[in-house]
């Protein structure tokens, strides 16, 4: 896990078309800091790298960086990082009807949460950084 350095980046306040850009829209409105935009709780936010394809259904791909916030308590439906038998895993947390960690790929099975399985929710995935 690594912390994100604080660096302001130019923010172009115009929609991005997927055709030819308009020269009239070629200006910088302001500079924004990615850490303040992506990280509301810097002291409790971490980056983790995704491996595997159990979450490809929600766009989390092999090699993506996950921005994980450990400040807020995870809620039903959140995508979380949890420890499962001592290993980190990324899954959707479902609390109803029965608690489980749900992959977003039909090739994988849900992981029921019970007293028999040592599980701890580490944090909530707030953003995915994907490189091409």
N, C-alpha and C. Protein backbone atom coordinates (compact mmCIF):
# COMPACT_ATOMS: atom_id res chain seq x y z
N UNK A 1 0.84 -1.17 0.00
CA UNK A 1 0.00 0.00 0.00
C UNK A 1 0.89 1.24 0.00
N UNK A 2 0.43 2.27 -0.69
CA UNK A 2 1.21 3.48 -0.74
C UNK A 2 0.29 4.69 -0.64
N UNK A 3 0.84 5.77 -0.12
CA UNK A 3 0.10 7.02 -0.03
C UNK A 3 0.27 7.79 -1.35
N UNK A 4 -0.73 8.59 -1.70
CA UNK A 4 -0.68 9.38 -2.92
C UNK A 4 0.00 10.71 -2.61
N UNK A 5 1.00 11.12 -3.43
CA UNK A 5 1.63 12.42 -3.20
C UNK A 5 0.67 13.55 -3.54
N UNK A 6 0.84 14.70 -2.89
CA UNK A 6 -0.01 15.85 -3.11
C UNK A 6 0.55 16.66 -4.27
N UNK A 7 -0.20 16.77 -5.37
CA UNK A 7 0.25 17.51 -6.55
C UNK A 7 -0.97 18.09 -7.25
N UNK A 8 -0.96 19.39 -7.51
CA UNK A 8 -2.05 20.02 -8.25
C UNK A 8 -1.89 19.74 -9.73
N UNK A 9 -3.01 19.45 -10.38
CA UNK A 9 -3.03 19.10 -11.80
C UNK A 9 -4.01 20.02 -12.50
N UNK A 10 -3.70 20.51 -13.72
CA UNK A 10 -4.64 21.39 -14.43
C UNK A 10 -5.97 20.70 -14.69
N UNK A 11 -7.05 21.46 -14.53
CA UNK A 11 -8.40 20.95 -14.77
C UNK A 11 -9.03 21.75 -15.90
N UNK A 12 -9.31 21.09 -17.01
CA UNK A 12 -9.97 21.72 -18.14
C UNK A 12 -11.47 21.55 -17.95
N UNK A 13 -12.17 22.66 -17.74
CA UNK A 13 -13.59 22.61 -17.44
C UNK A 13 -14.42 22.67 -18.71
N UNK A 14 -14.27 21.66 -19.53
CA UNK A 14 -15.10 21.54 -20.73
C UNK A 14 -15.31 20.07 -21.00
N UNK A 15 -16.46 19.72 -21.55
CA UNK A 15 -16.70 18.31 -21.86
C UNK A 15 -15.69 17.81 -22.88
N UNK A 16 -15.39 16.55 -22.82
CA UNK A 16 -14.45 15.95 -23.75
C UNK A 16 -15.25 15.17 -24.78
N UNK A 17 -15.21 15.64 -26.03
CA UNK A 17 -15.89 14.91 -27.09
C UNK A 17 -14.96 13.83 -27.61
N UNK A 18 -15.55 12.81 -28.14
CA UNK A 18 -14.74 11.72 -28.68
C UNK A 18 -14.57 11.88 -30.19
N UNK A 19 -14.69 13.11 -30.67
CA UNK A 19 -14.46 13.44 -32.07
C UNK A 19 -13.30 14.42 -32.11
N UNK A 20 -13.45 15.48 -32.92
CA UNK A 20 -12.41 16.49 -33.02
C UNK A 20 -12.66 17.57 -31.98
N UNK A 21 -11.63 17.96 -31.21
CA UNK A 21 -11.81 18.98 -30.18
C UNK A 21 -12.03 20.36 -30.78
N UNK A 22 -12.73 21.20 -30.04
CA UNK A 22 -12.96 22.58 -30.45
C UNK A 22 -11.87 23.47 -29.88
N UNK A 23 -11.16 24.25 -30.73
CA UNK A 23 -10.13 25.16 -30.21
C UNK A 23 -10.70 26.19 -29.24
N UNK A 24 -11.98 26.53 -29.36
CA UNK A 24 -12.59 27.52 -28.46
C UNK A 24 -12.68 27.01 -27.03
N UNK A 25 -12.62 25.70 -26.84
CA UNK A 25 -12.74 25.14 -25.50
C UNK A 25 -11.37 24.81 -24.89
N UNK A 26 -10.32 25.29 -25.51
CA UNK A 26 -8.97 24.92 -25.10
C UNK A 26 -8.43 25.90 -24.05
N UNK A 27 -8.96 25.83 -22.85
CA UNK A 27 -8.46 26.68 -21.77
C UNK A 27 -8.53 25.93 -20.45
N UNK A 28 -7.70 26.37 -19.53
CA UNK A 28 -7.69 25.78 -18.19
C UNK A 28 -8.55 26.66 -17.29
N UNK A 29 -9.53 26.06 -16.64
CA UNK A 29 -10.40 26.81 -15.73
C UNK A 29 -9.71 27.04 -14.40
N UNK A 30 -9.06 26.02 -13.89
CA UNK A 30 -8.41 26.09 -12.59
C UNK A 30 -7.45 24.92 -12.46
N UNK A 31 -6.78 24.86 -11.34
CA UNK A 31 -5.94 23.71 -11.03
C UNK A 31 -6.60 23.01 -9.85
N UNK A 32 -6.69 21.69 -9.95
CA UNK A 32 -7.26 20.93 -8.84
C UNK A 32 -6.23 19.92 -8.38
N UNK A 33 -6.36 19.54 -7.15
CA UNK A 33 -5.48 18.54 -6.56
C UNK A 33 -6.21 17.20 -6.62
N UNK A 34 -5.59 16.21 -7.26
CA UNK A 34 -6.23 14.90 -7.33
C UNK A 34 -6.48 14.32 -5.95
N UNK A 35 -5.56 14.56 -5.03
CA UNK A 35 -5.77 13.98 -3.70
C UNK A 35 -6.98 14.60 -3.01
N UNK A 36 -7.22 15.89 -3.17
CA UNK A 36 -8.41 16.47 -2.53
C UNK A 36 -9.67 16.06 -3.28
N UNK A 37 -9.57 15.80 -4.57
CA UNK A 37 -10.72 15.38 -5.36
C UNK A 37 -11.08 13.92 -5.09
N UNK A 38 -10.06 13.06 -4.97
CA UNK A 38 -10.29 11.63 -4.82
C UNK A 38 -10.25 11.14 -3.38
N UNK A 39 -9.65 11.95 -2.49
CA UNK A 39 -9.35 11.45 -1.14
C UNK A 39 -9.89 12.39 -0.07
N UNK A 40 -11.11 12.14 0.41
CA UNK A 40 -11.65 13.01 1.45
C UNK A 40 -11.01 12.78 2.83
N UNK A 41 -10.41 11.63 3.04
CA UNK A 41 -9.79 11.29 4.34
C UNK A 41 -8.36 10.80 4.10
N UNK A 42 -7.41 11.73 3.90
CA UNK A 42 -6.04 11.35 3.53
C UNK A 42 -5.35 10.41 4.51
N UNK A 43 -5.62 10.57 5.79
CA UNK A 43 -4.92 9.73 6.78
C UNK A 43 -5.44 8.30 6.81
N UNK A 44 -6.57 8.07 6.16
CA UNK A 44 -7.13 6.72 6.19
C UNK A 44 -7.43 6.20 4.78
N UNK A 45 -6.68 6.71 3.80
CA UNK A 45 -6.87 6.29 2.41
C UNK A 45 -5.60 5.64 1.89
N UNK A 46 -5.77 4.55 1.17
CA UNK A 46 -4.65 3.77 0.66
C UNK A 46 -4.89 3.41 -0.80
N UNK A 47 -3.81 3.07 -1.49
CA UNK A 47 -3.87 2.53 -2.84
C UNK A 47 -3.53 1.05 -2.79
N UNK A 48 -4.31 0.25 -3.48
CA UNK A 48 -3.99 -1.17 -3.63
C UNK A 48 -4.10 -1.51 -5.10
N UNK A 49 -3.31 -2.45 -5.57
CA UNK A 49 -3.35 -2.87 -6.97
C UNK A 49 -4.22 -4.11 -7.10
N UNK A 50 -5.16 -4.07 -8.03
CA UNK A 50 -6.07 -5.19 -8.26
C UNK A 50 -5.36 -6.31 -9.02
N UNK A 51 -5.63 -7.54 -8.61
CA UNK A 51 -5.18 -8.71 -9.36
C UNK A 51 -6.38 -9.61 -9.56
N UNK A 52 -6.36 -10.36 -10.63
CA UNK A 52 -7.46 -11.28 -10.90
C UNK A 52 -8.60 -10.59 -11.63
N UNK A 53 -9.66 -11.36 -11.90
CA UNK A 53 -10.78 -10.82 -12.68
C UNK A 53 -12.14 -11.05 -12.02
N UNK A 54 -12.16 -11.23 -10.72
CA UNK A 54 -13.44 -11.49 -10.05
C UNK A 54 -14.33 -10.25 -9.97
N UNK A 55 -13.79 -9.06 -10.26
CA UNK A 55 -14.58 -7.83 -10.19
C UNK A 55 -14.69 -7.12 -11.54
N UNK A 56 -14.43 -7.85 -12.62
CA UNK A 56 -14.44 -7.24 -13.96
C UNK A 56 -15.83 -6.72 -14.34
N UNK A 57 -16.88 -7.25 -13.76
CA UNK A 57 -18.23 -6.81 -14.07
C UNK A 57 -18.53 -5.38 -13.66
N UNK A 58 -17.73 -4.81 -12.77
CA UNK A 58 -17.89 -3.41 -12.38
C UNK A 58 -16.70 -2.57 -12.85
N UNK A 59 -15.92 -3.13 -13.77
CA UNK A 59 -14.83 -2.36 -14.37
C UNK A 59 -13.52 -2.38 -13.61
N UNK A 60 -13.37 -3.24 -12.62
CA UNK A 60 -12.10 -3.38 -11.91
C UNK A 60 -11.31 -4.47 -12.61
N UNK A 61 -10.21 -4.08 -13.26
CA UNK A 61 -9.43 -5.00 -14.07
C UNK A 61 -8.06 -5.26 -13.44
N UNK A 62 -7.44 -6.32 -13.90
CA UNK A 62 -6.08 -6.68 -13.48
C UNK A 62 -5.16 -5.47 -13.63
N UNK A 63 -4.45 -5.12 -12.57
CA UNK A 63 -3.49 -4.02 -12.61
C UNK A 63 -4.05 -2.66 -12.24
N UNK A 64 -5.37 -2.51 -12.13
CA UNK A 64 -5.95 -1.23 -11.74
C UNK A 64 -5.52 -0.85 -10.33
N UNK A 65 -5.44 0.46 -10.08
CA UNK A 65 -5.20 0.95 -8.72
C UNK A 65 -6.55 1.25 -8.08
N UNK A 66 -6.73 0.76 -6.88
CA UNK A 66 -7.96 0.98 -6.13
C UNK A 66 -7.69 2.01 -5.04
N UNK A 67 -8.50 3.06 -5.01
CA UNK A 67 -8.42 4.07 -3.96
C UNK A 67 -9.37 3.61 -2.86
N UNK A 68 -8.80 3.24 -1.72
CA UNK A 68 -9.56 2.60 -0.64
C UNK A 68 -9.61 3.52 0.57
N UNK A 69 -10.82 3.84 1.01
CA UNK A 69 -11.04 4.70 2.17
C UNK A 69 -11.43 3.84 3.37
N UNK A 70 -10.64 3.92 4.42
CA UNK A 70 -10.89 3.12 5.63
C UNK A 70 -11.62 3.92 6.70
N UNK A 71 -12.02 5.15 6.39
CA UNK A 71 -12.63 6.02 7.39
C UNK A 71 -14.08 5.65 7.69
N UNK A 72 -14.88 5.52 6.65
CA UNK A 72 -16.30 5.25 6.83
C UNK A 72 -16.58 3.76 6.96
N UNK A 73 -17.64 3.43 7.68
CA UNK A 73 -18.05 2.04 7.81
C UNK A 73 -18.68 1.58 6.50
N UNK A 74 -18.35 0.36 6.10
CA UNK A 74 -18.91 -0.20 4.87
C UNK A 74 -20.40 -0.47 5.03
N UNK A 75 -21.15 -0.22 3.95
CA UNK A 75 -22.59 -0.45 3.95
C UNK A 75 -22.95 -1.51 2.92
N UNK A 76 -24.15 -2.00 3.03
CA UNK A 76 -24.68 -2.98 2.08
C UNK A 76 -24.52 -2.45 0.65
N UNK A 77 -23.90 -3.25 -0.20
CA UNK A 77 -23.72 -2.88 -1.60
C UNK A 77 -22.40 -2.21 -1.93
N UNK A 78 -21.64 -1.80 -0.91
CA UNK A 78 -20.33 -1.19 -1.17
C UNK A 78 -19.35 -2.21 -1.72
N UNK A 79 -18.44 -1.74 -2.57
CA UNK A 79 -17.31 -2.57 -2.97
C UNK A 79 -16.24 -2.34 -1.93
N UNK A 80 -15.77 -3.43 -1.34
CA UNK A 80 -14.86 -3.32 -0.19
C UNK A 80 -13.58 -4.11 -0.43
N UNK A 81 -12.59 -3.76 0.37
CA UNK A 81 -11.41 -4.59 0.53
C UNK A 81 -11.58 -5.25 1.89
N UNK A 82 -11.53 -6.56 1.89
CA UNK A 82 -11.70 -7.32 3.14
C UNK A 82 -10.55 -8.30 3.26
N UNK A 83 -10.27 -8.68 4.49
CA UNK A 83 -9.33 -9.78 4.69
C UNK A 83 -10.16 -11.04 4.86
N UNK A 84 -9.77 -12.04 4.13
CA UNK A 84 -10.46 -13.32 4.16
C UNK A 84 -9.41 -14.37 4.46
N UNK A 85 -9.47 -14.92 5.67
CA UNK A 85 -8.45 -15.87 6.13
C UNK A 85 -7.05 -15.27 5.99
N UNK A 86 -6.92 -13.97 6.31
CA UNK A 86 -5.62 -13.30 6.32
C UNK A 86 -5.16 -12.73 4.99
N UNK A 87 -5.92 -12.90 3.91
CA UNK A 87 -5.55 -12.39 2.59
C UNK A 87 -6.53 -11.28 2.18
N UNK A 88 -6.01 -10.23 1.51
CA UNK A 88 -6.89 -9.18 0.99
C UNK A 88 -7.70 -9.69 -0.19
N UNK A 89 -8.96 -9.26 -0.26
CA UNK A 89 -9.81 -9.55 -1.41
C UNK A 89 -10.70 -8.34 -1.67
N UNK A 90 -11.07 -8.15 -2.92
CA UNK A 90 -11.97 -7.07 -3.32
C UNK A 90 -13.27 -7.70 -3.79
N UNK A 91 -14.37 -7.35 -3.12
CA UNK A 91 -15.68 -7.90 -3.46
C UNK A 91 -16.76 -6.88 -3.07
N UNK A 92 -17.98 -7.13 -3.54
CA UNK A 92 -19.12 -6.32 -3.11
C UNK A 92 -19.65 -6.91 -1.79
N UNK A 93 -19.85 -6.05 -0.80
CA UNK A 93 -20.37 -6.48 0.49
C UNK A 93 -21.90 -6.49 0.44
N UNK A 94 -22.47 -7.67 0.62
CA UNK A 94 -23.92 -7.80 0.71
C UNK A 94 -24.26 -8.25 2.13
N UNK A 95 -25.14 -7.52 2.78
CA UNK A 95 -25.53 -7.84 4.15
C UNK A 95 -26.89 -8.52 4.21
N UNK A 96 -27.65 -8.45 3.11
CA UNK A 96 -28.97 -9.05 3.04
C UNK A 96 -29.08 -9.88 1.78
N UNK A 97 -29.80 -10.95 1.74
CA UNK A 97 -30.50 -11.56 2.86
C UNK A 97 -29.54 -12.24 3.84
N UNK A 98 -28.43 -12.76 3.36
CA UNK A 98 -27.41 -13.34 4.25
C UNK A 98 -26.08 -12.67 3.90
N UNK A 99 -25.28 -12.30 4.91
CA UNK A 99 -24.03 -11.61 4.63
C UNK A 99 -23.08 -12.44 3.76
N UNK A 100 -22.52 -11.76 2.74
CA UNK A 100 -21.54 -12.43 1.89
C UNK A 100 -20.69 -11.40 1.17
N UNK A 101 -19.57 -11.86 0.64
CA UNK A 101 -18.74 -11.07 -0.25
C UNK A 101 -19.03 -11.58 -1.66
N UNK A 102 -19.57 -10.70 -2.51
CA UNK A 102 -20.05 -11.10 -3.83
C UNK A 102 -19.10 -10.64 -4.93
N UNK A 103 -18.55 -11.58 -5.69
CA UNK A 103 -17.74 -11.19 -6.85
C UNK A 103 -18.64 -10.61 -7.94
N UNK A 104 -18.07 -9.84 -8.85
CA UNK A 104 -18.82 -9.27 -9.97
C UNK A 104 -18.39 -9.95 -11.26
N UNK A 105 -18.33 -11.27 -11.20
CA UNK A 105 -17.99 -12.11 -12.35
C UNK A 105 -18.69 -13.44 -12.09
N UNK A 106 -19.58 -13.87 -12.99
CA UNK A 106 -20.34 -15.10 -12.74
C UNK A 106 -19.49 -16.36 -12.66
N UNK A 107 -18.23 -16.28 -13.05
CA UNK A 107 -17.35 -17.45 -12.96
C UNK A 107 -16.91 -17.71 -11.52
N UNK A 108 -17.19 -16.76 -10.61
CA UNK A 108 -16.78 -16.88 -9.21
C UNK A 108 -18.00 -17.00 -8.32
N UNK A 109 -17.84 -17.70 -7.21
CA UNK A 109 -18.94 -17.91 -6.26
C UNK A 109 -18.89 -16.89 -5.13
N UNK A 110 -20.05 -16.55 -4.58
CA UNK A 110 -20.08 -15.68 -3.40
C UNK A 110 -19.37 -16.36 -2.22
N UNK A 111 -18.84 -15.53 -1.34
CA UNK A 111 -18.17 -16.03 -0.14
C UNK A 111 -19.08 -15.71 1.05
N UNK A 112 -19.76 -16.71 1.61
CA UNK A 112 -20.62 -16.45 2.77
C UNK A 112 -19.78 -15.95 3.95
N UNK A 113 -20.33 -14.99 4.68
CA UNK A 113 -19.67 -14.50 5.88
C UNK A 113 -20.32 -15.15 7.09
N UNK A 114 -19.49 -15.79 7.89
CA UNK A 114 -20.00 -16.46 9.08
C UNK A 114 -18.93 -16.42 10.15
N UNK A 115 -19.28 -16.87 11.32
CA UNK A 115 -18.31 -16.92 12.42
C UNK A 115 -17.20 -17.92 12.14
N UNK A 116 -17.44 -18.85 11.21
CA UNK A 116 -16.44 -19.86 10.87
C UNK A 116 -15.32 -19.31 9.99
N UNK A 117 -15.57 -18.19 9.32
CA UNK A 117 -14.59 -17.61 8.40
C UNK A 117 -14.08 -16.30 8.99
N UNK A 118 -12.77 -16.20 9.17
CA UNK A 118 -12.17 -14.99 9.73
C UNK A 118 -12.15 -13.90 8.65
N UNK A 119 -13.00 -12.88 8.84
CA UNK A 119 -13.16 -11.81 7.86
C UNK A 119 -13.15 -10.46 8.57
N UNK A 120 -12.48 -9.48 7.95
CA UNK A 120 -12.47 -8.12 8.45
C UNK A 120 -12.55 -7.18 7.26
N UNK A 121 -13.50 -6.24 7.27
CA UNK A 121 -13.58 -5.25 6.20
C UNK A 121 -12.54 -4.18 6.49
N UNK A 122 -11.59 -4.03 5.56
CA UNK A 122 -10.49 -3.08 5.69
C UNK A 122 -10.90 -1.68 5.27
N UNK A 123 -11.64 -1.56 4.18
CA UNK A 123 -12.05 -0.26 3.69
C UNK A 123 -12.97 -0.38 2.49
N UNK A 124 -13.46 0.79 2.04
CA UNK A 124 -14.39 0.86 0.91
C UNK A 124 -13.65 1.39 -0.31
N UNK A 125 -13.82 0.72 -1.44
CA UNK A 125 -13.21 1.19 -2.69
C UNK A 125 -14.02 2.40 -3.16
N UNK A 126 -13.37 3.56 -3.25
CA UNK A 126 -14.04 4.80 -3.65
C UNK A 126 -13.80 5.14 -5.12
N UNK A 127 -12.63 4.75 -5.65
CA UNK A 127 -12.29 5.06 -7.04
C UNK A 127 -11.41 3.95 -7.59
N UNK A 128 -11.45 3.81 -8.91
CA UNK A 128 -10.58 2.88 -9.63
C UNK A 128 -9.78 3.70 -10.62
N UNK A 129 -8.47 3.53 -10.61
CA UNK A 129 -7.59 4.21 -11.57
C UNK A 129 -7.13 3.17 -12.56
N UNK A 130 -7.57 3.35 -13.81
CA UNK A 130 -7.31 2.36 -14.86
C UNK A 130 -6.40 2.98 -15.92
N UNK A 131 -5.32 2.31 -16.25
CA UNK A 131 -4.42 2.75 -17.31
C UNK A 131 -4.63 1.88 -18.53
N UNK A 132 -4.48 2.46 -19.71
CA UNK A 132 -4.63 1.70 -20.95
C UNK A 132 -3.31 1.12 -21.38
